[in-house]
Amino acid sequence: MANHKSALKRIRANETKRLRNRYQHKSTRTVVRKLRALTDKVAATELFKTAASMLDKLARKNVIHKNKAANLKSGLAKHISSLA
């Protein structure tokens, strides 16, 4: 157990941040999954803007690596371009 007041505060702050990161990461994965399931190009293009923004935000906050975000965005863009 922590011995200092600041260490106790750090434990609380870390737990709050962990839960927020987990929620944002999970919701981003859900959007990516929905996007991959779409077959309509117009709807997919609109959802791609949201997904790309969410991925960039996760990468900026170091929840995921920036290269992972780039790879996911690239794969999603490829999927959208293959739609008729």
PDB file of N, CA and C in Angstrom:
ATOM      1  N   MET A   1       0.844  -1.187   0.000  1.00  0.00           N
ATOM      2  CA  MET A   1       0.000   0.000   0.000  1.00  0.00           C
ATOM      3  C   MET A   1       0.889   1.250   0.000  1.00  0.00           C
ATOM      4  N   ALA A   2       0.375   2.284  -0.635  1.00  0.00           N
ATOM      5  CA  ALA A   2       1.146   3.521  -0.759  1.00  0.00           C
ATOM      6  C   ALA A   2       1.285   4.214   0.595  1.00  0.00           C
ATOM      7  N   ASN A   3       2.412   4.881   0.787  1.00  0.00           N
ATOM      8  CA  ASN A   3       2.686   5.550   2.057  1.00  0.00           C
ATOM      9  C   ASN A   3       2.512   7.062   1.995  1.00  0.00           C
ATOM     10  N   HIS A   4       2.449   7.627   0.792  1.00  0.00           N
ATOM     11  CA  HIS A   4       2.387   9.075   0.655  1.00  0.00           C
ATOM     12  C   HIS A   4       1.055   9.510   0.059  1.00  0.00           C
ATOM     13  N   LYS A   5       0.653  10.701   0.422  1.00  0.00           N
ATOM     14  CA  LYS A   5      -0.595  11.255  -0.065  1.00  0.00           C
ATOM     15  C   LYS A   5      -0.586  11.360  -1.589  1.00  0.00           C
ATOM     16  N   SER A   6       0.535  11.784  -2.134  1.00  0.00           N
ATOM     17  CA  SER A   6       0.640  11.941  -3.582  1.00  0.00           C
ATOM     18  C   SER A   6       0.563  10.592  -4.297  1.00  0.00           C
ATOM     19  N   ALA A   7       1.092   9.545  -3.658  1.00  0.00           N
ATOM     20  CA  ALA A   7       1.042   8.213  -4.259  1.00  0.00           C
ATOM     21  C   ALA A   7      -0.389   7.700  -4.286  1.00  0.00           C
ATOM     22  N   LEU A   8      -1.154   7.993  -3.241  1.00  0.00           N
ATOM     23  CA  LEU A   8      -2.566   7.606  -3.205  1.00  0.00           C
ATOM     24  C   LEU A   8      -3.341   8.324  -4.306  1.00  0.00           C
ATOM     25  N   LYS A   9      -3.045   9.600  -4.489  1.00  0.00           N
ATOM     26  CA  LYS A   9      -3.705  10.371  -5.547  1.00  0.00           C
ATOM     27  C   LYS A   9      -3.338   9.808  -6.918  1.00  0.00           C
ATOM     28  N   ARG A  10      -2.076   9.446  -7.092  1.00  0.00           N
ATOM     29  CA  ARG A  10      -1.615   8.886  -8.367  1.00  0.00           C
ATOM     30  C   ARG A  10      -2.349   7.582  -8.668  1.00  0.00           C
ATOM     31  N   ILE A  11      -2.559   6.748  -7.654  1.00  0.00           N
ATOM     32  CA  ILE A  11      -3.285   5.488  -7.829  1.00  0.00           C
ATOM     33  C   ILE A  11      -4.700   5.766  -8.307  1.00  0.00           C
ATOM     34  N   ARG A  12      -5.367   6.743  -7.695  1.00  0.00           N
ATOM     35  CA  ARG A  12      -6.739   7.095  -8.102  1.00  0.00           C
ATOM     36  C   ARG A  12      -6.765   7.640  -9.526  1.00  0.00           C
ATOM     37  N   ALA A  13      -5.826   8.509  -9.840  1.00  0.00           N
ATOM     38  CA  ALA A  13      -5.783   9.115 -11.178  1.00  0.00           C
ATOM     39  C   ALA A  13      -5.501   8.059 -12.246  1.00  0.00           C
ATOM     40  N   ASN A  14      -4.592   7.135 -11.951  1.00  0.00           N
ATOM     41  CA  ASN A  14      -4.259   6.089 -12.914  1.00  0.00           C
ATOM     42  C   ASN A  14      -5.458   5.201 -13.202  1.00  0.00           C
ATOM     43  N   GLU A  15      -6.224   4.888 -12.182  1.00  0.00           N
ATOM     44  CA  GLU A  15      -7.415   4.043 -12.366  1.00  0.00           C
ATOM     45  C   GLU A  15      -8.448   4.763 -13.230  1.00  0.00           C
ATOM     46  N   THR A  16      -8.637   6.053 -12.984  1.00  0.00           N
ATOM     47  CA  THR A  16      -9.580   6.840 -13.782  1.00  0.00           C
ATOM     48  C   THR A  16      -9.140   6.867 -15.244  1.00  0.00           C
ATOM     49  N   LYS A  17      -7.859   7.114 -15.473  1.00  0.00           N
ATOM     50  CA  LYS A  17      -7.340   7.165 -16.841  1.00  0.00           C
ATOM     51  C   LYS A  17      -7.418   5.805 -17.512  1.00  0.00           C
ATOM     52  N   ARG A  18      -7.154   4.748 -16.753  1.00  0.00           N
ATOM     53  CA  ARG A  18      -7.215   3.396 -17.307  1.00  0.00           C
ATOM     54  C   ARG A  18      -8.621   3.090 -17.811  1.00  0.00           C
ATOM     55  N   LEU A  19      -9.622   3.444 -17.005  1.00  0.00           N
ATOM     56  CA  LEU A  19     -11.003   3.180 -17.399  1.00  0.00           C
ATOM     57  C   LEU A  19     -11.408   4.010 -18.616  1.00  0.00           C
ATOM     58  N   ARG A  20     -10.961   5.266 -18.659  1.00  0.00           N
ATOM     59  CA  ARG A  20     -11.279   6.119 -19.805  1.00  0.00           C
ATOM     60  C   ARG A  20     -10.623   5.581 -21.072  1.00  0.00           C
ATOM     61  N   ASN A  21      -9.345   5.193 -20.980  1.00  0.00           N
ATOM     62  CA  ASN A  21      -8.641   4.635 -22.137  1.00  0.00           C
ATOM     63  C   ASN A  21      -9.322   3.362 -22.622  1.00  0.00           C
ATOM     64  N   ARG A  22      -9.734   2.523 -21.684  1.00  0.00           N
ATOM     65  CA  ARG A  22     -10.377   1.261 -22.020  1.00  0.00           C
ATOM     66  C   ARG A  22     -11.692   1.504 -22.755  1.00  0.00           C
ATOM     67  N   TYR A  23     -12.474   2.460 -22.264  1.00  0.00           N
ATOM     68  CA  TYR A  23     -13.759   2.790 -22.883  1.00  0.00           C
ATOM     69  C   TYR A  23     -13.550   3.321 -24.305  1.00  0.00           C
ATOM     70  N   GLN A  24     -12.611   4.253 -24.471  1.00  0.00           N
ATOM     71  CA  GLN A  24     -12.375   4.840 -25.786  1.00  0.00           C
ATOM     72  C   GLN A  24     -11.820   3.812 -26.764  1.00  0.00           C
ATOM     73  N   HIS A  25     -10.937   2.941 -26.294  1.00  0.00           N
ATOM     74  CA  HIS A  25     -10.366   1.915 -27.154  1.00  0.00           C
ATOM     75  C   HIS A  25     -11.439   0.938 -27.602  1.00  0.00           C
ATOM     76  N   LYS A  26     -12.295   0.536 -26.674  1.00  0.00           N
ATOM     77  CA  LYS A  26     -13.355  -0.425 -26.995  1.00  0.00           C
ATOM     78  C   LYS A  26     -14.358   0.186 -27.965  1.00  0.00           C
ATOM     79  N   SER A  27     -14.741   1.436 -27.759  1.00  0.00           N
ATOM     80  CA  SER A  27     -15.710   2.068 -28.649  1.00  0.00           C
ATOM     81  C   SER A  27     -15.109   2.276 -30.043  1.00  0.00           C
ATOM     82  N   THR A  28     -13.819   2.538 -30.126  1.00  0.00           N
ATOM     83  CA  THR A  28     -13.162   2.675 -31.425  1.00  0.00           C
ATOM     84  C   THR A  28     -13.146   1.342 -32.156  1.00  0.00           C
ATOM     85  N   ARG A  29     -12.854   0.265 -31.435  1.00  0.00           N
ATOM     86  CA  ARG A  29     -12.854  -1.062 -32.064  1.00  0.00           C
ATOM     87  C   ARG A  29     -14.241  -1.405 -32.592  1.00  0.00           C
ATOM     88  N   THR A  30     -15.292  -1.004 -31.874  1.00  0.00           N
ATOM     89  CA  THR A  30     -16.655  -1.262 -32.309  1.00  0.00           C
ATOM     90  C   THR A  30     -16.953  -0.518 -33.611  1.00  0.00           C
ATOM     91  N   VAL A  31     -16.528   0.740 -33.695  1.00  0.00           N
ATOM     92  CA  VAL A  31     -16.739   1.530 -34.912  1.00  0.00           C
ATOM     93  C   VAL A  31     -15.991   0.905 -36.085  1.00  0.00           C
ATOM     94  N   VAL A  32     -14.766   0.453 -35.850  1.00  0.00           N
ATOM     95  CA  VAL A  32     -13.975  -0.182 -36.907  1.00  0.00           C
ATOM     96  C   VAL A  32     -14.672  -1.455 -37.382  1.00  0.00           C
ATOM     97  N   ARG A  33     -15.194  -2.232 -36.456  1.00  0.00           N
ATOM     98  CA  ARG A  33     -15.903  -3.465 -36.792  1.00  0.00           C
ATOM     99  C   ARG A  33     -17.147  -3.159 -37.628  1.00  0.00           C
ATOM    100  N   LYS A  34     -17.900  -2.125 -37.227  1.00  0.00           N
ATOM    101  CA  LYS A  34     -19.092  -1.732 -37.988  1.00  0.00           C
ATOM    102  C   LYS A  34     -18.719  -1.299 -39.399  1.00  0.00           C
ATOM    103  N   LEU A  35     -17.619  -0.563 -39.512  1.00  0.00           N
ATOM    104  CA  LEU A  35     -17.174  -0.073 -40.809  1.00  0.00           C
ATOM    105  C   LEU A  35     -16.798  -1.225 -41.728  1.00  0.00           C
ATOM    106  N   ARG A  36     -16.123  -2.220 -41.196  1.00  0.00           N
ATOM    107  CA  ARG A  36     -15.738  -3.374 -42.011  1.00  0.00           C
ATOM    108  C   ARG A  36     -16.962  -4.162 -42.488  1.00  0.00           C
ATOM    109  N   ALA A  37     -18.056  -4.117 -41.725  1.00  0.00           N
ATOM    110  CA  ALA A  37     -19.263  -4.862 -42.078  1.00  0.00           C
ATOM    111  C   ALA A  37     -20.118  -4.144 -43.116  1.00  0.00           C
ATOM    112  N   LEU A  38     -19.893  -2.836 -43.298  1.00  0.00           N
ATOM    113  CA  LEU A  38     -20.712  -2.072 -44.240  1.00  0.00           C
ATOM    114  C   LEU A  38     -20.428  -2.475 -45.685  1.00  0.00           C
ATOM    115  N   THR A  39     -21.481  -2.400 -46.516  1.00  0.00           N
ATOM    116  CA  THR A  39     -21.326  -2.674 -47.943  1.00  0.00           C
ATOM    117  C   THR A  39     -21.680  -1.452 -48.783  1.00  0.00           C
ATOM    118  N   ASP A  40     -22.251  -0.417 -48.166  1.00  0.00           N
ATOM    119  CA  ASP A  40     -22.604   0.810 -48.870  1.00  0.00           C
ATOM    120  C   ASP A  40     -21.426   1.784 -48.806  1.00  0.00           C
ATOM    121  N   LYS A  41     -20.964   2.221 -49.974  1.00  0.00           N
ATOM    122  CA  LYS A  41     -19.760   3.055 -50.034  1.00  0.00           C
ATOM    123  C   LYS A  41     -19.978   4.429 -49.401  1.00  0.00           C
ATOM    124  N   VAL A  42     -21.153   5.023 -49.609  1.00  0.00           N
ATOM    125  CA  VAL A  42     -21.418   6.361 -49.071  1.00  0.00           C
ATOM    126  C   VAL A  42     -21.430   6.326 -47.542  1.00  0.00           C
ATOM    127  N   ALA A  43     -22.142   5.357 -46.982  1.00  0.00           N
ATOM    128  CA  ALA A  43     -22.205   5.228 -45.523  1.00  0.00           C
ATOM    129  C   ALA A  43     -20.825   4.913 -44.946  1.00  0.00           C
ATOM    130  N   ALA A  44     -20.082   4.076 -45.654  1.00  0.00           N
ATOM    131  CA  ALA A  44     -18.743   3.698 -45.186  1.00  0.00           C
ATOM    132  C   ALA A  44     -17.807   4.908 -45.184  1.00  0.00           C
ATOM    133  N   THR A  45     -17.942   5.759 -46.198  1.00  0.00           N
ATOM    134  CA  THR A  45     -17.095   6.954 -46.272  1.00  0.00           C
ATOM    135  C   THR A  45     -17.375   7.893 -45.108  1.00  0.00           C
ATOM    136  N   GLU A  46     -18.653   8.041 -44.772  1.00  0.00           N
ATOM    137  CA  GLU A  46     -19.027   8.905 -43.645  1.00  0.00           C
ATOM    138  C   GLU A  46     -18.501   8.338 -42.328  1.00  0.00           C
ATOM    139  N   LEU A  47     -18.659   7.028 -42.143  1.00  0.00           N
ATOM    140  CA  LEU A  47     -18.207   6.395 -40.902  1.00  0.00           C
ATOM    141  C   LEU A  47     -16.682   6.389 -40.813  1.00  0.00           C
ATOM    142  N   PHE A  48     -16.009   6.373 -41.968  1.00  0.00           N
ATOM    143  CA  PHE A  48     -14.550   6.367 -41.984  1.00  0.00           C
ATOM    144  C   PHE A  48     -13.988   7.637 -41.353  1.00  0.00           C
ATOM    145  N   LYS A  49     -14.656   8.774 -41.595  1.00  0.00           N
ATOM    146  CA  LYS A  49     -14.200  10.028 -40.997  1.00  0.00           C
ATOM    147  C   LYS A  49     -14.194   9.923 -39.478  1.00  0.00           C
ATOM    148  N   THR A  50     -15.259   9.364 -38.936  1.00  0.00           N
ATOM    149  CA  THR A  50     -15.359   9.187 -37.480  1.00  0.00           C
ATOM    150  C   THR A  50     -14.286   8.224 -36.976  1.00  0.00           C
ATOM    151  N   ALA A  51     -14.152   7.089 -37.659  1.00  0.00           N
ATOM    152  CA  ALA A  51     -13.194   6.068 -37.239  1.00  0.00           C
ATOM    153  C   ALA A  51     -11.765   6.604 -37.291  1.00  0.00           C
ATOM    154  N   ALA A  52     -11.434   7.319 -38.355  1.00  0.00           N
ATOM    155  CA  ALA A  52     -10.077   7.868 -38.497  1.00  0.00           C
ATOM    156  C   ALA A  52      -9.796   8.864 -37.386  1.00  0.00           C
ATOM    157  N   SER A  53     -10.779   9.680 -37.081  1.00  0.00           N
ATOM    158  CA  SER A  53     -10.620  10.659 -36.005  1.00  0.00           C
ATOM    159  C   SER A  53     -10.392   9.967 -34.665  1.00  0.00           C
ATOM    160  N   MET A  54     -11.176   8.926 -34.398  1.00  0.00           N
ATOM    161  CA  MET A  54     -11.036   8.192 -33.136  1.00  0.00           C
ATOM    162  C   MET A  54      -9.669   7.524 -33.047  1.00  0.00           C
ATOM    163  N   LEU A  55      -9.216   6.929 -34.148  1.00  0.00           N
ATOM    164  CA  LEU A  55      -7.908   6.261 -34.151  1.00  0.00           C
ATOM    165  C   LEU A  55      -6.782   7.265 -33.936  1.00  0.00           C
ATOM    166  N   ASP A  56      -6.893   8.420 -34.586  1.00  0.00           N
ATOM    167  CA  ASP A  56      -5.871   9.451 -34.403  1.00  0.00           C
ATOM    168  C   ASP A  56      -5.823   9.924 -32.953  1.00  0.00           C
ATOM    169  N   LYS A  57      -6.980  10.048 -32.348  1.00  0.00           N
ATOM    170  CA  LYS A  57      -7.038  10.502 -30.957  1.00  0.00           C
ATOM    171  C   LYS A  57      -6.391   9.478 -30.025  1.00  0.00           C
ATOM    172  N   LEU A  58      -6.662   8.189 -30.268  1.00  0.00           N
ATOM    173  CA  LEU A  58      -6.041   7.142 -29.450  1.00  0.00           C
ATOM    174  C   LEU A  58      -4.523   7.150 -29.619  1.00  0.00           C
ATOM    175  N   ALA A  59      -4.065   7.351 -30.843  1.00  0.00           N
ATOM    176  CA  ALA A  59      -2.621   7.380 -31.084  1.00  0.00           C
ATOM    177  C   ALA A  59      -1.994   8.602 -30.423  1.00  0.00           C
ATOM    178  N   ARG A  60      -2.688   9.726 -30.483  1.00  0.00           N
ATOM    179  CA  ARG A  60      -2.162  10.956 -29.884  1.00  0.00           C
ATOM    180  C   ARG A  60      -2.043  10.824 -28.373  1.00  0.00           C
ATOM    181  N   LYS A  61      -2.968  10.089 -27.759  1.00  0.00           N
ATOM    182  CA  LYS A  61      -2.951   9.911 -26.308  1.00  0.00           C
ATOM    183  C   LYS A  61      -2.141   8.683 -25.881  1.00  0.00           C
ATOM    184  N   ASN A  62      -1.453   8.046 -26.831  1.00  0.00           N
ATOM    185  CA  ASN A  62      -0.612   6.871 -26.567  1.00  0.00           C
ATOM    186  C   ASN A  62      -1.391   5.681 -26.020  1.00  0.00           C
ATOM    187  N   VAL A  63      -2.658   5.563 -26.395  1.00  0.00           N
ATOM    188  CA  VAL A  63      -3.414   4.369 -26.036  1.00  0.00           C
ATOM    189  C   VAL A  63      -3.033   3.254 -27.001  1.00  0.00           C
ATOM    190  N   ILE A  64      -2.886   3.605 -28.281  1.00  0.00           N
ATOM    191  CA  ILE A  64      -2.354   2.673 -29.272  1.00  0.00           C
ATOM    192  C   ILE A  64      -1.162   3.355 -29.947  1.00  0.00           C
ATOM    193  N   HIS A  65      -0.330   2.554 -30.579  1.00  0.00           N
ATOM    194  CA  HIS A  65       0.844   3.089 -31.260  1.00  0.00           C
ATOM    195  C   HIS A  65       0.414   3.817 -32.528  1.00  0.00           C
ATOM    196  N   LYS A  66       1.145   4.853 -32.911  1.00  0.00           N
ATOM    197  CA  LYS A  66       0.766   5.652 -34.090  1.00  0.00           C
ATOM    198  C   LYS A  66       0.809   4.816 -35.364  1.00  0.00           C
ATOM    199  N   ASN A  67       1.719   3.850 -35.444  1.00  0.00           N
ATOM    200  CA  ASN A  67       1.788   2.999 -36.636  1.00  0.00           C
ATOM    201  C   ASN A  67       0.593   2.061 -36.711  1.00  0.00           C
ATOM    202  N   LYS A  68       0.107   1.603 -35.561  1.00  0.00           N
ATOM    203  CA  LYS A  68      -1.089   0.757 -35.546  1.00  0.00           C
ATOM    204  C   LYS A  68      -2.281   1.545 -36.059  1.00  0.00           C
ATOM    205  N   ALA A  69      -2.407   2.788 -35.619  1.00  0.00           N
ATOM    206  CA  ALA A  69      -3.496   3.642 -36.084  1.00  0.00           C
ATOM    207  C   ALA A  69      -3.395   3.835 -37.597  1.00  0.00           C
ATOM    208  N   ALA A  70      -2.188   4.070 -38.082  1.00  0.00           N
ATOM    209  CA  ALA A  70      -1.982   4.268 -39.514  1.00  0.00           C
ATOM    210  C   ALA A  70      -2.328   3.003 -40.296  1.00  0.00           C
ATOM    211  N   ASN A  71      -1.924   1.852 -39.783  1.00  0.00           N
ATOM    212  CA  ASN A  71      -2.222   0.587 -40.462  1.00  0.00           C
ATOM    213  C   ASN A  71      -3.721   0.320 -40.501  1.00  0.00           C
ATOM    214  N   LEU A  72      -4.408   0.586 -39.408  1.00  0.00           N
ATOM    215  CA  LEU A  72      -5.859   0.385 -39.373  1.00  0.00           C
ATOM    216  C   LEU A  72      -6.558   1.317 -40.354  1.00  0.00           C
ATOM    217  N   LYS A  73      -6.152   2.587 -40.367  1.00  0.00           N
ATOM    218  CA  LYS A  73      -6.761   3.552 -41.286  1.00  0.00           C
ATOM    219  C   LYS A  73      -6.508   3.149 -42.735  1.00  0.00           C
ATOM    220  N   SER A  74      -5.316   2.678 -43.016  1.00  0.00           N
ATOM    221  CA  SER A  74      -4.972   2.254 -44.367  1.00  0.00           C
ATOM    222  C   SER A  74      -5.840   1.070 -44.804  1.00  0.00           C
ATOM    223  N   GLY A  75      -5.991   0.105 -43.917  1.00  0.00           N
ATOM    224  CA  GLY A  75      -6.815  -1.066 -44.234  1.00  0.00           C
ATOM    225  C   GLY A  75      -8.273  -0.704 -44.442  1.00  0.00           C
ATOM    226  N   LEU A  76      -8.769   0.231 -43.625  1.00  0.00           N
ATOM    227  CA  LEU A  76     -10.159   0.662 -43.773  1.00  0.00           C
ATOM    228  C   LEU A  76     -10.350   1.424 -45.085  1.00  0.00           C
ATOM    229  N   ALA A  77      -9.378   2.262 -45.441  1.00  0.00           N
ATOM    230  CA  ALA A  77      -9.465   3.006 -46.700  1.00  0.00           C
ATOM    231  C   ALA A  77      -9.442   2.043 -47.885  1.00  0.00           C
ATOM    232  N   LYS A  78      -8.633   1.009 -47.781  1.00  0.00           N
ATOM    233  CA  LYS A  78      -8.573  -0.002 -48.834  1.00  0.00           C
ATOM    234  C   LYS A  78      -9.912  -0.724 -48.961  1.00  0.00           C
ATOM    235  N   HIS A  79     -10.531  -1.020 -47.816  1.00  0.00           N
ATOM    236  CA  HIS A  79     -11.835  -1.686 -47.809  1.00  0.00           C
ATOM    237  C   HIS A  79     -12.875  -0.814 -48.484  1.00  0.00           C
ATOM    238  N   ILE A  80     -12.871   0.490 -48.167  1.00  0.00           N
ATOM    239  CA  ILE A  80     -13.848   1.407 -48.741  1.00  0.00           C
ATOM    240  C   ILE A  80     -13.660   1.541 -50.248  1.00  0.00           C
ATOM    241  N   SER A  81     -12.409   1.595 -50.691  1.00  0.00           N
ATOM    242  CA  SER A  81     -12.156   1.733 -52.130  1.00  0.00           C
ATOM    243  C   SER A  81     -12.564   0.481 -52.900  1.00  0.00           C
ATOM    244  N   SER A  82     -12.607  -0.665 -52.227  1.00  0.00           N
ATOM    245  CA  SER A  82     -12.996  -1.903 -52.913  1.00  0.00           C
ATOM    246  C   SER A  82     -14.512  -2.048 -53.028  1.00  0.00           C
ATOM    247  N   LEU A  83     -15.265  -1.208 -52.275  1.00  0.00           N
ATOM    248  CA  LEU A  83     -16.732  -1.275 -52.356  1.00  0.00           C
ATOM    249  C   LEU A  83     -17.201  -0.707 -53.687  1.00  0.00           C
ATOM    250  N   ALA A  84     -18.283  -1.300 -54.194  1.00  0.00           N
ATOM    251  CA  ALA A  84     -18.795  -0.842 -55.503  1.00  0.00           C
ATOM    252  C   ALA A  84     -19.672   0.375 -55.379  1.00  0.00           C
TER     253      ALA A  84
END
